[in-house]
Amino acid sequence: MAHLLPVNQQDTPLIIHNFRHLVLADHPSPSTAFSVTEEDVLRLFRKQNPRKSLGPDGVSPATLRHCAEVLSPVFTDIFNISLESCHVPACFKLSTIVPVPKKPHVTGLNDYRPVALTSVVIKSFERLVLPHLKSFTSPVLDPLQFAYRANRSVDNAINLALHFILQHLDSPGTYARILFVDFSSAFNTILPALLQDKLSMLNVPSSTCRWITDFLTDRRQCVRLGKNVSTTQTISTGSPQGCVLSPLLFSLYTNCCTSSHDSVKLIKFADDTTLIGLISDGDESAYRREVERLVYWCSSNNLELNAQKTVEMIVDFRKVTAPSLPLVLTDTPVTTVDSFRFLGTTITHDLRWEPSISSLIKKAQQRMYFLRQLKKAKLPAQMMVQFYTAIIESILTSSIAVWYAGATVRDKHRLQRIVRSAEKVIGCSLPSLQDLYVSRTRGRAGRIAADPSHPGHRLFEPPPSGRRSRSIRTRTSRHKNSFFPSAVRLVNSL
């Protein structure tokens, strides 16, 4: 890559000519409407963080930032040549794989996440392609895919999943079966040719489809562990974790994986897939059919289900229950659990929040030690408030819109005690958790109400005759104290 960088502006025409000849030698240039502008490239180069490490091609973010005015015309031409030819230069497809541990104690290779360190130049290029790709695919994305989309956080996914379950459980003789699906190296199993077909069906221009296919094909990569570096291998499968486009490409790859039955909800957050079966009168046929469809879809799309880590949880408040037949995935019985950490929040089979709140309290108490040390160091109160907000309050309010309304009075008092302890250490008043819950819930409700594409938008639609949202009918306190009924009440109280 270094030989592509100009020494001065006089060298630019020769470099562009040589690069154009290199790229187009075997790739005729079809016409394409999409191109990037020099202003966009200059803006991205100026935003580079000089503290970031350089990519495997040796180009550093500091170089792009400090030489942005000189380099932006060069790379604008390079990027547009690449888009015209639907070909990504080989130097842009070089990756260094850095294994990052998924958990504190590593017991095997599966406990590592392979993160790709790629060129800072191609990352800038991807950021220019990303809005173009989103402009075609955003209107047709599965509404129950919550990852990497505006106004679709993990809290939104959890709240909607709980709403489906609690609304269903308000009816007598009902229960829910929740399958938490785990994939084996999901991002690394994408087939570029199959992805190209899927993108074509989503009305993505053919030139963009071919460019993405070439971007994912014949990628050279090596693995770096400490000072040890492996030999370079060429792969044509998968979308590297660490590329800007990878999250959206995986969402588009799995976009057609949906439920075909109203009583079964398939909620996705990137590769975290959850199948919710809303069972009435003991009839599980629709739920089991959807599980079979999911298994078949995965086998047809080169995604491998990890049956060992896939678990199921049953939420059943009926007084008289019968033993449920276990699910079997790829000849492996699915383990039934009483609790599961769903997108960072612990969900229990009785839908109580005490385990999750206890975990938050323990983390917050550990961080209180550092606040007391800052007090001993005589740090100004304003700086201690900033520390509290960033380190302690962020823990106490993690997913607060999900669980606070349903928490017991005792648990709310336990949480508020930590706030009072922090107030004594700092010497000033701090926002109460109740006030933070109200403001954040109203804010989230307002964003959902203003977004017609959000799957929960209809719950905030006002009736034709009034300005307030319709109240959500609830029969149990569990449902009444969940996010959507609580949010509607808060909105209506304004």
Foldseek 3Di string as FASTA:
>chain_A
DVVLDDPFLVCQVVSLVVLLCVFCVPFPFDDDPDADDLVLQLVLLLPQDQVDQAFPLPDGSVCSNVCVVRCSVNVSSVLRSCLRRLADDQLQQEWEWEWDACDPDDDDPQRTDTATGTGPSVLSSVVSVVVVLCVLQVVPFDLLAQAPDPLRDLLLNLQVVVLLQQVLPLDPQKKKKKKWWDWRQQQQAFQLVLLLVLSVVSVRDNSVSSSVQNSQAQRWYWYDDPNDIGDIDTDRGGDHRHHPCSQVSQSSLCRPLAQPDPQWGWHHHRRGIMIMGIDHPNDCPSVLVSVVVNLVVCVVRRIGIDQVPIAMEMADDHPDDDDDDFDAHPNRTHHYDQWDCRSNAIAGSPRARVVRLVVLLVQLVVCVVVLLVVLVVVDALVVSVVVCVVRRVCSNCPSVLFPVLVHDPVSLVSSQVSQVVSCVSSVHHDDRPVVVNLVVLLVSLVVLCVDPSNPCNLQADCDPVDDAGDADDGDDSSSCSGNSNVSSVSRRVD
